[in-house]
All heavy atoms as atom14 arrays in JSON, in Angstrom:
{
  "sequence": "AFLMFSVKKLEKKVKKDKNTAVKQVGRAYTNFEPLGMGQVEIEINGQL",
  "atom14_mask": [
    [1, 1, 1, 1, 1, 0, 0, 0, 0, 0, 0, 0, 0, 0],
    [1, 1, 1, 1, 1, 1, 1, 1, 1, 1, 1, 0, 0, 0],
    [1, 1, 1, 1, 1, 1, 1, 1, 0, 0, 0, 0, 0, 0],
    [1, 1, 1, 1, 1, 1, 1, 1, 0, 0, 0, 0, 0, 0],
    [1, 1, 1, 1, 1, 1, 1, 1, 1, 1, 1, 0, 0, 0],
    [1, 1, 1, 1, 1, 1, 0, 0, 0, 0, 0, 0, 0, 0],
    [1, 1, 1, 1, 1, 1, 1, 0, 0, 0, 0, 0, 0, 0],
    [1, 1, 1, 1, 1, 1, 1, 1, 1, 0, 0, 0, 0, 0],
    [1, 1, 1, 1, 1, 1, 1, 1, 1, 0, 0, 0, 0, 0],
    [1, 1, 1, 1, 1, 1, 1, 1, 0, 0, 0, 0, 0, 0],
    [1, 1, 1, 1, 1, 1, 1, 1, 1, 0, 0, 0, 0, 0],
    [1, 1, 1, 1, 1, 1, 1, 1, 1, 0, 0, 0, 0, 0],
    [1, 1, 1, 1, 1, 1, 1, 1, 1, 0, 0, 0, 0, 0],
    [1, 1, 1, 1, 1, 1, 1, 0, 0, 0, 0, 0, 0, 0],
    [1, 1, 1, 1, 1, 1, 1, 1, 1, 0, 0, 0, 0, 0],
    [1, 1, 1, 1, 1, 1, 1, 1, 1, 0, 0, 0, 0, 0],
    [1, 1, 1, 1, 1, 1, 1, 1, 0, 0, 0, 0, 0, 0],
    [1, 1, 1, 1, 1, 1, 1, 1, 1, 0, 0, 0, 0, 0],
    [1, 1, 1, 1, 1, 1, 1, 1, 0, 0, 0, 0, 0, 0],
    [1, 1, 1, 1, 1, 1, 1, 0, 0, 0, 0, 0, 0, 0],
    [1, 1, 1, 1, 1, 0, 0, 0, 0, 0, 0, 0, 0, 0],
    [1, 1, 1, 1, 1, 1, 1, 0, 0, 0, 0, 0, 0, 0],
    [1, 1, 1, 1, 1, 1, 1, 1, 1, 0, 0, 0, 0, 0],
    [1, 1, 1, 1, 1, 1, 1, 1, 1, 0, 0, 0, 0, 0],
    [1, 1, 1, 1, 1, 1, 1, 0, 0, 0, 0, 0, 0, 0],
    [1, 1, 1, 1, 0, 0, 0, 0, 0, 0, 0, 0, 0, 0],
    [1, 1, 1, 1, 1, 1, 1, 1, 1, 1, 1, 0, 0, 0],
    [1, 1, 1, 1, 1, 0, 0, 0, 0, 0, 0, 0, 0, 0],
    [1, 1, 1, 1, 1, 1, 1, 1, 1, 1, 1, 1, 0, 0],
    [1, 1, 1, 1, 1, 1, 1, 0, 0, 0, 0, 0, 0, 0],
    [1, 1, 1, 1, 1, 1, 1, 1, 0, 0, 0, 0, 0, 0],
    [1, 1, 1, 1, 1, 1, 1, 1, 1, 1, 1, 0, 0, 0],
    [1, 1, 1, 1, 1, 1, 1, 1, 1, 0, 0, 0, 0, 0],
    [1, 1, 1, 1, 1, 1, 1, 0, 0, 0, 0, 0, 0, 0],
    [1, 1, 1, 1, 1, 1, 1, 1, 0, 0, 0, 0, 0, 0],
    [1, 1, 1, 1, 0, 0, 0, 0, 0, 0, 0, 0, 0, 0],
    [1, 1, 1, 1, 1, 1, 1, 1, 0, 0, 0, 0, 0, 0],
    [1, 1, 1, 1, 0, 0, 0, 0, 0, 0, 0, 0, 0, 0],
    [1, 1, 1, 1, 1, 1, 1, 1, 1, 0, 0, 0, 0, 0],
    [1, 1, 1, 1, 1, 1, 1, 0, 0, 0, 0, 0, 0, 0],
    [1, 1, 1, 1, 1, 1, 1, 1, 1, 0, 0, 0, 0, 0],
    [1, 1, 1, 1, 1, 1, 1, 1, 0, 0, 0, 0, 0, 0],
    [1, 1, 1, 1, 1, 1, 1, 1, 1, 0, 0, 0, 0, 0],
    [1, 1, 1, 1, 1, 1, 1, 1, 0, 0, 0, 0, 0, 0],
    [1, 1, 1, 1, 1, 1, 1, 1, 0, 0, 0, 0, 0, 0],
    [1, 1, 1, 1, 0, 0, 0, 0, 0, 0, 0, 0, 0, 0],
    [1, 1, 1, 1, 1, 1, 1, 1, 1, 0, 0, 0, 0, 0],
    [1, 1, 1, 1, 1, 1, 1, 1, 0, 0, 0, 0, 0, 0]
  ],
  "atom14_positions": [
    [[-20.52, 18.2, -17.54], [-19.54, 18.58, -16.52], [-20.01, 18.15, -15.13], [-19.24, 17.6, -14.35], [-19.3, 20.08, -16.56], [0.0, 0.0, 0.0], [0.0, 0.0, 0.0], [0.0, 0.0, 0.0], [0.0, 0.0, 0.0], [0.0, 0.0, 0.0], [0.0, 0.0, 0.0], [0.0, 0.0, 0.0], [0.0, 0.0, 0.0], [0.0, 0.0, 0.0]],
    [[-21.29, 18.35, -14.83], [-21.83, 17.96, -13.54], [-21.71, 16.44, -13.34], [-21.31, 15.97, -12.27], [-23.29, 18.39, -13.41], [-23.97, 17.85, -12.19], [-23.71, 18.37, -10.94], [-24.87, 16.79, -12.3], [-24.31, 17.85, -9.81], [-25.47, 16.26, -11.18], [-25.21, 16.8, -9.93], [0.0, 0.0, 0.0], [0.0, 0.0, 0.0], [0.0, 0.0, 0.0]],
    [[-22.06, 15.67, -14.36], [-21.97, 14.21, -14.25], [-20.53, 13.75, -14.05], [-20.27, 12.85, -13.25], [-22.58, 13.55, -15.49], [-24.1, 13.66, -15.61], [-24.56, 13.12, -16.96], [-24.8, 12.96, -14.47], [0.0, 0.0, 0.0], [0.0, 0.0, 0.0], [0.0, 0.0, 0.0], [0.0, 0.0, 0.0], [0.0, 0.0, 0.0], [0.0, 0.0, 0.0]],
    [[-19.61, 14.35, -14.77], [-18.21, 13.95, -14.64], [-17.65, 14.34, -13.28], [-16.88, 13.59, -12.68], [-17.36, 14.54, -15.77], [-17.73, 14.01, -17.14], [-17.7, 12.23, -17.27], [-15.96, 11.95, -17.38], [0.0, 0.0, 0.0], [0.0, 0.0, 0.0], [0.0, 0.0, 0.0], [0.0, 0.0, 0.0], [0.0, 0.0, 0.0], [0.0, 0.0, 0.0]],
    [[-18.02, 15.51, -12.76], [-17.6, 15.9, -11.41], [-18.18, 14.94, -10.38], [-17.52, 14.56, -9.41], [-18.03, 17.33, -11.07], [-17.16, 18.39, -11.68], [-17.72, 19.41, -12.43], [-15.79, 18.4, -11.5], [-16.93, 20.4, -12.99], [-14.99, 19.38, -12.05], [-15.55, 20.38, -12.8], [0.0, 0.0, 0.0], [0.0, 0.0, 0.0], [0.0, 0.0, 0.0]],
    [[-19.43, 14.53, -10.58], [-20.07, 13.59, -9.66], [-19.37, 12.24, -9.67], [-19.16, 11.63, -8.62], [-21.54, 13.41, -10.02], [-22.23, 14.62, -9.88], [0.0, 0.0, 0.0], [0.0, 0.0, 0.0], [0.0, 0.0, 0.0], [0.0, 0.0, 0.0], [0.0, 0.0, 0.0], [0.0, 0.0, 0.0], [0.0, 0.0, 0.0], [0.0, 0.0, 0.0]],
    [[-19.01, 11.76, -10.85], [-18.29, 10.5, -10.96], [-16.93, 10.62, -10.3], [-16.47, 9.69, -9.62], [-18.15, 10.07, -12.44], [-17.17, 8.94, -12.61], [-19.51, 9.68, -13.0], [0.0, 0.0, 0.0], [0.0, 0.0, 0.0], [0.0, 0.0, 0.0], [0.0, 0.0, 0.0], [0.0, 0.0, 0.0], [0.0, 0.0, 0.0], [0.0, 0.0, 0.0]],
    [[-16.27, 11.75, -10.47], [-14.95, 11.96, -9.88], [-15.01, 11.9, -8.35], [-14.08, 11.42, -7.71], [-14.4, 13.32, -10.33], [-12.99, 13.55, -9.99], [-12.1, 12.75, -10.88], [-10.67, 13.13, -10.63], [-9.76, 12.13, -11.05], [0.0, 0.0, 0.0], [0.0, 0.0, 0.0], [0.0, 0.0, 0.0], [0.0, 0.0, 0.0], [0.0, 0.0, 0.0]],
    [[-16.12, 12.35, -7.76], [-16.27, 12.3, -6.3], [-16.35, 10.86, -5.8], [-16.06, 10.61, -4.63], [-17.53, 13.06, -5.87], [-17.4, 14.54, -5.93], [-18.68, 15.17, -5.44], [-18.69, 16.66, -5.65], [-19.96, 17.24, -5.23], [0.0, 0.0, 0.0], [0.0, 0.0, 0.0], [0.0, 0.0, 0.0], [0.0, 0.0, 0.0], [0.0, 0.0, 0.0]],
    [[-16.78, 9.94, -6.64], [-16.92, 8.55, -6.23], [-15.57, 7.85, -6.12], [-15.48, 6.8, -5.5], [-17.78, 7.78, -7.25], [-19.23, 8.21, -7.35], [-19.91, 7.45, -8.48], [-19.95, 7.99, -6.04], [0.0, 0.0, 0.0], [0.0, 0.0, 0.0], [0.0, 0.0, 0.0], [0.0, 0.0, 0.0], [0.0, 0.0, 0.0], [0.0, 0.0, 0.0]],
    [[-14.54, 8.44, -6.71], [-13.22, 7.83, -6.67], [-12.71, 7.77, -5.24], [-12.76, 8.74, -4.51], [-12.25, 8.63, -7.53], [-10.89, 8.0, -7.66], [-10.0, 8.8, -8.58], [-10.31, 8.9, -9.77], [-9.02, 9.35, -8.08], [0.0, 0.0, 0.0], [0.0, 0.0, 0.0], [0.0, 0.0, 0.0], [0.0, 0.0, 0.0], [0.0, 0.0, 0.0]],
    [[-12.24, 6.61, -4.86], [-11.77, 6.41, -3.49], [-10.25, 6.5, -3.46], [-9.56, 5.72, -4.1], [-12.23, 5.05, -2.99], [-11.85, 4.77, -1.57], [-12.37, 3.41, -1.14], [-11.96, 3.1, 0.27], [-12.41, 1.77, 0.66], [0.0, 0.0, 0.0], [0.0, 0.0, 0.0], [0.0, 0.0, 0.0], [0.0, 0.0, 0.0], [0.0, 0.0, 0.0]],
    [[-9.74, 7.46, -2.72], [-8.3, 7.6, -2.53], [-7.97, 7.06, -1.15], [-8.47, 7.54, -0.15], [-7.87, 9.08, -2.6], [-8.05, 9.7, -3.94], [-6.91, 9.35, -4.81], [-7.02, 10.13, -6.1], [-6.07, 9.75, -7.05], [0.0, 0.0, 0.0], [0.0, 0.0, 0.0], [0.0, 0.0, 0.0], [0.0, 0.0, 0.0], [0.0, 0.0, 0.0]],
    [[-7.16, 6.04, -1.13], [-6.78, 5.43, 0.14], [-5.36, 5.85, 0.46], [-4.44, 5.6, -0.3], [-6.87, 3.89, 0.07], [-6.41, 3.26, 1.36], [-8.29, 3.47, -0.26], [0.0, 0.0, 0.0], [0.0, 0.0, 0.0], [0.0, 0.0, 0.0], [0.0, 0.0, 0.0], [0.0, 0.0, 0.0], [0.0, 0.0, 0.0], [0.0, 0.0, 0.0]],
    [[-5.21, 6.48, 1.59], [-3.88, 6.85, 2.07], [-3.34, 5.65, 2.82], [-3.93, 5.18, 3.78], [-3.98, 8.07, 3.0], [-2.7, 8.45, 3.68], [-1.79, 9.23, 2.76], [-0.62, 9.79, 3.54], [0.6, 9.08, 3.37], [0.0, 0.0, 0.0], [0.0, 0.0, 0.0], [0.0, 0.0, 0.0], [0.0, 0.0, 0.0], [0.0, 0.0, 0.0]],
    [[-2.22, 5.13, 2.36], [-1.63, 3.96, 3.0], [-0.82, 4.39, 4.22], [0.14, 5.11, 4.11], [-0.74, 3.21, 2.01], [-1.5, 2.52, 0.94], [-0.6, 1.65, 0.11], [-1.4, 0.95, -0.96], [-0.58, 0.09, -1.77], [0.0, 0.0, 0.0], [0.0, 0.0, 0.0], [0.0, 0.0, 0.0], [0.0, 0.0, 0.0], [0.0, 0.0, 0.0]],
    [[-1.27, 3.91, 5.36], [-0.57, 4.17, 6.61], [0.35, 2.98, 6.86], [-0.1, 1.92, 7.31], [-1.55, 4.35, 7.76], [-0.86, 4.66, 9.07], [0.36, 4.98, 9.06], [-1.53, 4.58, 10.12], [0.0, 0.0, 0.0], [0.0, 0.0, 0.0], [0.0, 0.0, 0.0], [0.0, 0.0, 0.0], [0.0, 0.0, 0.0], [0.0, 0.0, 0.0]],
    [[1.61, 3.14, 6.55], [2.56, 2.03, 6.65], [2.77, 1.58, 8.08], [3.23, 0.47, 8.31], [3.89, 2.41, 5.98], [3.76, 2.52, 4.48], [5.08, 2.78, 3.81], [4.88, 2.84, 2.3], [6.07, 3.2, 1.61], [0.0, 0.0, 0.0], [0.0, 0.0, 0.0], [0.0, 0.0, 0.0], [0.0, 0.0, 0.0], [0.0, 0.0, 0.0]],
    [[2.38, 2.4, 9.06], [2.51, 1.99, 10.46], [1.62, 0.79, 10.78], [1.87, 0.08, 11.75], [2.2, 3.16, 11.39], [3.29, 4.21, 11.34], [4.48, 3.89, 11.34], [2.89, 5.47, 11.28], [0.0, 0.0, 0.0], [0.0, 0.0, 0.0], [0.0, 0.0, 0.0], [0.0, 0.0, 0.0], [0.0, 0.0, 0.0], [0.0, 0.0, 0.0]],
    [[0.57, 0.57, 9.96], [-0.29, -0.59, 10.2], [0.43, -1.9, 9.86], [-0.06, -2.97, 10.21], [-1.58, -0.51, 9.36], [-1.25, -0.51, 7.97], [-2.39, 0.73, 9.71], [0.0, 0.0, 0.0], [0.0, 0.0, 0.0], [0.0, 0.0, 0.0], [0.0, 0.0, 0.0], [0.0, 0.0, 0.0], [0.0, 0.0, 0.0], [0.0, 0.0, 0.0]],
    [[1.56, -1.82, 9.21], [2.31, -3.02, 8.83], [3.26, -3.5, 9.93], [3.79, -4.61, 9.84], [3.11, -2.76, 7.56], [0.0, 0.0, 0.0], [0.0, 0.0, 0.0], [0.0, 0.0, 0.0], [0.0, 0.0, 0.0], [0.0, 0.0, 0.0], [0.0, 0.0, 0.0], [0.0, 0.0, 0.0], [0.0, 0.0, 0.0], [0.0, 0.0, 0.0]],
    [[3.44, -2.7, 10.98], [4.36, -3.1, 12.06], [3.85, -4.39, 12.69], [2.66, -4.54, 12.97], [4.48, -1.97, 13.11], [5.31, -2.43, 14.3], [5.1, -0.74, 12.48], [0.0, 0.0, 0.0], [0.0, 0.0, 0.0], [0.0, 0.0, 0.0], [0.0, 0.0, 0.0], [0.0, 0.0, 0.0], [0.0, 0.0, 0.0], [0.0, 0.0, 0.0]],
    [[4.77, -5.34, 12.88], [4.53, -6.67, 13.44], [3.78, -7.59, 12.48], [3.45, -8.71, 12.83], [3.8, -6.6, 14.78], [4.59, -5.89, 15.85], [3.88, -5.9, 17.17], [4.71, -5.13, 18.19], [4.01, -4.94, 19.44], [0.0, 0.0, 0.0], [0.0, 0.0, 0.0], [0.0, 0.0, 0.0], [0.0, 0.0, 0.0], [0.0, 0.0, 0.0]],
    [[3.51, -7.13, 11.26], [2.85, -7.97, 10.26], [3.89, -8.87, 9.61], [5.06, -8.5, 9.48], [2.2, -7.1, 9.17], [1.05, -6.29, 9.65], [-0.26, -6.9, 9.21], [-0.3, -7.93, 8.55], [-1.34, -6.25, 9.6], [0.0, 0.0, 0.0], [0.0, 0.0, 0.0], [0.0, 0.0, 0.0], [0.0, 0.0, 0.0], [0.0, 0.0, 0.0]],
    [[3.43, -10.03, 9.16], [4.3, -10.96, 8.44], [3.97, -10.85, 6.96], [2.81, -10.79, 6.56], [4.09, -12.41, 8.95], [4.88, -13.4, 8.11], [4.48, -12.51, 10.41], [0.0, 0.0, 0.0], [0.0, 0.0, 0.0], [0.0, 0.0, 0.0], [0.0, 0.0, 0.0], [0.0, 0.0, 0.0], [0.0, 0.0, 0.0], [0.0, 0.0, 0.0]],
    [[5.03, -10.81, 6.15], [4.88, -10.76, 4.7], [5.96, -11.58, 4.04], [6.59, -12.44, 4.67], [0.0, 0.0, 0.0], [0.0, 0.0, 0.0], [0.0, 0.0, 0.0], [0.0, 0.0, 0.0], [0.0, 0.0, 0.0], [0.0, 0.0, 0.0], [0.0, 0.0, 0.0], [0.0, 0.0, 0.0], [0.0, 0.0, 0.0], [0.0, 0.0, 0.0]],
    [[6.2, -11.3, 2.78], [7.24, -12.02, 2.03], [8.21, -11.02, 1.42], [7.81, -9.95, 0.97], [6.63, -12.84, 0.9], [5.84, -14.02, 1.35], [5.64, -15.0, 0.18], [4.85, -16.13, 0.59], [5.33, -17.19, 1.22], [6.59, -17.26, 1.5], [4.53, -18.18, 1.56], [0.0, 0.0, 0.0], [0.0, 0.0, 0.0], [0.0, 0.0, 0.0]],
    [[9.47, -11.43, 1.39], [10.47, -10.62, 0.69], [10.16, -10.72, -0.8], [9.93, -11.81, -1.33], [11.87, -11.12, 0.98], [0.0, 0.0, 0.0], [0.0, 0.0, 0.0], [0.0, 0.0, 0.0], [0.0, 0.0, 0.0], [0.0, 0.0, 0.0], [0.0, 0.0, 0.0], [0.0, 0.0, 0.0], [0.0, 0.0, 0.0], [0.0, 0.0, 0.0]],
    [[10.11, -9.62, -1.46], [9.82, -9.6, -2.9], [11.12, -9.67, -3.69], [11.14, -10.17, -4.8], [9.04, -8.31, -3.21], [8.33, -8.32, -4.54], [7.21, -9.1, -4.74], [8.78, -7.52, -5.59], [6.55, -9.09, -5.95], [8.13, -7.51, -6.79], [7.01, -8.29, -6.98], [6.36, -8.28, -8.18], [0.0, 0.0, 0.0], [0.0, 0.0, 0.0]],
    [[12.17, -9.15, -3.1], [13.5, -9.19, -3.7], [14.49, -9.73, -2.67], [14.15, -9.87, -1.5], [13.96, -7.77, -4.14], [13.98, -6.93, -2.99], [13.05, -7.19, -5.2], [0.0, 0.0, 0.0], [0.0, 0.0, 0.0], [0.0, 0.0, 0.0], [0.0, 0.0, 0.0], [0.0, 0.0, 0.0], [0.0, 0.0, 0.0], [0.0, 0.0, 0.0]],
    [[15.71, -10.0, -3.11], [16.76, -10.41, -2.17], [17.25, -9.18, -1.4], [17.36, -8.09, -1.96], [17.94, -11.04, -2.92], [17.57, -12.37, -3.53], [16.75, -13.11, -3.0], [18.19, -12.68, -4.67], [0.0, 0.0, 0.0], [0.0, 0.0, 0.0], [0.0, 0.0, 0.0], [0.0, 0.0, 0.0], [0.0, 0.0, 0.0], [0.0, 0.0, 0.0]],
    [[17.57, -9.4, -0.13], [18.1, -8.34, 0.73], [19.49, -8.73, 1.2], [19.67, -9.79, 1.79], [17.22, -8.15, 1.98], [15.92, -7.47, 1.74], [14.83, -8.18, 1.27], [15.76, -6.12, 1.99], [13.61, -7.57, 1.06], [14.55, -5.49, 1.79], [13.47, -6.21, 1.31], [0.0, 0.0, 0.0], [0.0, 0.0, 0.0], [0.0, 0.0, 0.0]],
    [[20.44, -7.89, 0.94], [21.77, -8.06, 1.53], [21.66, -7.67, 3.0], [20.73, -6.97, 3.39], [22.79, -7.16, 0.81], [23.0, -7.5, -0.65], [23.59, -8.88, -0.87], [24.44, -9.29, -0.05], [23.19, -9.55, -1.82], [0.0, 0.0, 0.0], [0.0, 0.0, 0.0], [0.0, 0.0, 0.0], [0.0, 0.0, 0.0], [0.0, 0.0, 0.0]],
    [[22.62, -8.08, 3.83], [22.6, -7.62, 5.23], [22.57, -6.09, 5.28], [23.36, -5.42, 4.61], [23.89, -8.19, 5.81], [24.18, -9.4, 4.97], [23.7, -9.03, 3.59], [0.0, 0.0, 0.0], [0.0, 0.0, 0.0], [0.0, 0.0, 0.0], [0.0, 0.0, 0.0], [0.0, 0.0, 0.0], [0.0, 0.0, 0.0], [0.0, 0.0, 0.0]],
    [[21.65, -5.55, 6.03], [21.43, -4.1, 6.15], [21.15, -3.43, 4.8], [21.33, -2.22, 4.64], [22.61, -3.41, 6.85], [22.91, -3.91, 8.26], [24.17, -3.24, 8.8], [21.73, -3.67, 9.19], [0.0, 0.0, 0.0], [0.0, 0.0, 0.0], [0.0, 0.0, 0.0], [0.0, 0.0, 0.0], [0.0, 0.0, 0.0], [0.0, 0.0, 0.0]],
    [[20.7, -4.21, 3.81], [20.46, -3.69, 2.47], [19.0, -3.35, 2.23], [18.13, -3.57, 3.06], [0.0, 0.0, 0.0], [0.0, 0.0, 0.0], [0.0, 0.0, 0.0], [0.0, 0.0, 0.0], [0.0, 0.0, 0.0], [0.0, 0.0, 0.0], [0.0, 0.0, 0.0], [0.0, 0.0, 0.0], [0.0, 0.0, 0.0], [0.0, 0.0, 0.0]],
    [[18.76, -2.8, 1.05], [17.43, -2.35, 0.64], [16.83, -3.35, -0.34], [17.55, -4.05, -1.04], [17.51, -0.97, -0.02], [18.02, 0.13, 0.86], [16.8, 0.68, 2.04], [15.62, 1.41, 0.95], [0.0, 0.0, 0.0], [0.0, 0.0, 0.0], [0.0, 0.0, 0.0], [0.0, 0.0, 0.0], [0.0, 0.0, 0.0], [0.0, 0.0, 0.0]],
    [[15.52, -3.35, -0.41], [14.79, -4.18, -1.35], [13.31, -3.89, -1.25], [12.92, -2.81, -0.8], [0.0, 0.0, 0.0], [0.0, 0.0, 0.0], [0.0, 0.0, 0.0], [0.0, 0.0, 0.0], [0.0, 0.0, 0.0], [0.0, 0.0, 0.0], [0.0, 0.0, 0.0], [0.0, 0.0, 0.0], [0.0, 0.0, 0.0], [0.0, 0.0, 0.0]],
    [[12.51, -4.86, -1.67], [11.06, -4.68, -1.61], [10.42, -5.89, -0.95], [10.91, -7.01, -1.07], [10.48, -4.48, -3.0], [10.87, -3.17, -3.62], [10.17, -2.95, -4.94], [9.96, -3.88, -5.7], [9.8, -1.71, -5.21], [0.0, 0.0, 0.0], [0.0, 0.0, 0.0], [0.0, 0.0, 0.0], [0.0, 0.0, 0.0], [0.0, 0.0, 0.0]],
    [[9.29, -5.62, -0.27], [8.53, -6.67, 0.38], [7.08, -6.61, -0.08], [6.61, -5.56, -0.53], [8.59, -6.57, 1.92], [9.99, -6.78, 2.42], [8.03, -5.26, 2.4], [0.0, 0.0, 0.0], [0.0, 0.0, 0.0], [0.0, 0.0, 0.0], [0.0, 0.0, 0.0], [0.0, 0.0, 0.0], [0.0, 0.0, 0.0], [0.0, 0.0, 0.0]],
    [[6.43, -7.75, 0.03], [5.01, -7.83, -0.27], [4.31, -8.02, 1.08], [4.54, -9.03, 1.76], [4.74, -9.01, -1.19], [3.31, -9.14, -1.62], [3.13, -10.31, -2.56], [3.41, -11.46, -2.15], [2.68, -10.07, -3.68], [0.0, 0.0, 0.0], [0.0, 0.0, 0.0], [0.0, 0.0, 0.0], [0.0, 0.0, 0.0], [0.0, 0.0, 0.0]],
    [[3.51, -7.05, 1.47], [2.9, -7.07, 2.8], [1.55, -6.37, 2.76], [1.31, -5.53, 1.88], [3.84, -6.43, 3.85], [3.39, -6.78, 5.24], [3.96, -4.94, 3.65], [4.52, -6.85, 6.22], [0.0, 0.0, 0.0], [0.0, 0.0, 0.0], [0.0, 0.0, 0.0], [0.0, 0.0, 0.0], [0.0, 0.0, 0.0], [0.0, 0.0, 0.0]],
    [[0.71, -6.68, 3.72], [-0.61, -6.06, 3.78], [-0.52, -4.74, 4.54], [-0.05, -4.68, 5.68], [-1.57, -7.0, 4.5], [-3.0, -6.6, 4.36], [-3.95, -7.64, 4.92], [-3.87, -8.8, 4.47], [-4.74, -7.28, 5.8], [0.0, 0.0, 0.0], [0.0, 0.0, 0.0], [0.0, 0.0, 0.0], [0.0, 0.0, 0.0], [0.0, 0.0, 0.0]],
    [[-0.97, -3.68, 3.88], [-1.02, -2.35, 4.48], [-2.44, -1.84, 4.33], [-2.95, -1.79, 3.22], [-0.02, -1.38, 3.8], [1.4, -1.9, 3.94], [-0.17, 0.02, 4.38], [2.43, -1.07, 3.2], [0.0, 0.0, 0.0], [0.0, 0.0, 0.0], [0.0, 0.0, 0.0], [0.0, 0.0, 0.0], [0.0, 0.0, 0.0], [0.0, 0.0, 0.0]],
    [[-3.06, -1.48, 5.43], [-4.46, -1.03, 5.43], [-5.38, -2.05, 4.75], [-6.29, -1.69, 4.03], [-4.63, 0.32, 4.73], [-4.11, 1.47, 5.52], [-3.6, 1.31, 6.62], [-4.22, 2.67, 4.97], [0.0, 0.0, 0.0], [0.0, 0.0, 0.0], [0.0, 0.0, 0.0], [0.0, 0.0, 0.0], [0.0, 0.0, 0.0], [0.0, 0.0, 0.0]],
    [[-5.1, -3.32, 4.94], [-5.94, -4.36, 4.37], [-5.73, -4.6, 2.89], [-6.47, -5.34, 2.27], [0.0, 0.0, 0.0], [0.0, 0.0, 0.0], [0.0, 0.0, 0.0], [0.0, 0.0, 0.0], [0.0, 0.0, 0.0], [0.0, 0.0, 0.0], [0.0, 0.0, 0.0], [0.0, 0.0, 0.0], [0.0, 0.0, 0.0], [0.0, 0.0, 0.0]],
    [[-4.73, -3.98, 2.29], [-4.45, -4.14, 0.87], [-3.03, -4.67, 0.7], [-2.09, -4.12, 1.24], [-4.59, -2.8, 0.14], [-4.35, -2.89, -1.34], [-4.5, -1.53, -2.02], [-4.64, -0.51, -1.38], [-4.44, -1.54, -3.33], [0.0, 0.0, 0.0], [0.0, 0.0, 0.0], [0.0, 0.0, 0.0], [0.0, 0.0, 0.0], [0.0, 0.0, 0.0]],
    [[-2.9, -5.75, -0.07], [-1.59, -6.32, -0.34], [-0.79, -5.35, -1.2], [-1.26, -4.91, -2.25], [-1.74, -7.67, -1.04], [-0.5, -8.54, -1.09], [0.0, -8.87, 0.32], [-0.77, -9.82, -1.85], [0.0, 0.0, 0.0], [0.0, 0.0, 0.0], [0.0, 0.0, 0.0], [0.0, 0.0, 0.0], [0.0, 0.0, 0.0], [0.0, 0.0, 0.0]]
  ]
}
């Protein structure tokens, strides 16, 4: 139990702050209609 708890502490949880993506350039992942929704591929907190 001690070893497993210790290993669990090593897990890194990264909270993605989407505000870091402002003014960043990325790619549209899906098609977007005018004023429509979709998905983009962009770097947030240094992670694509």
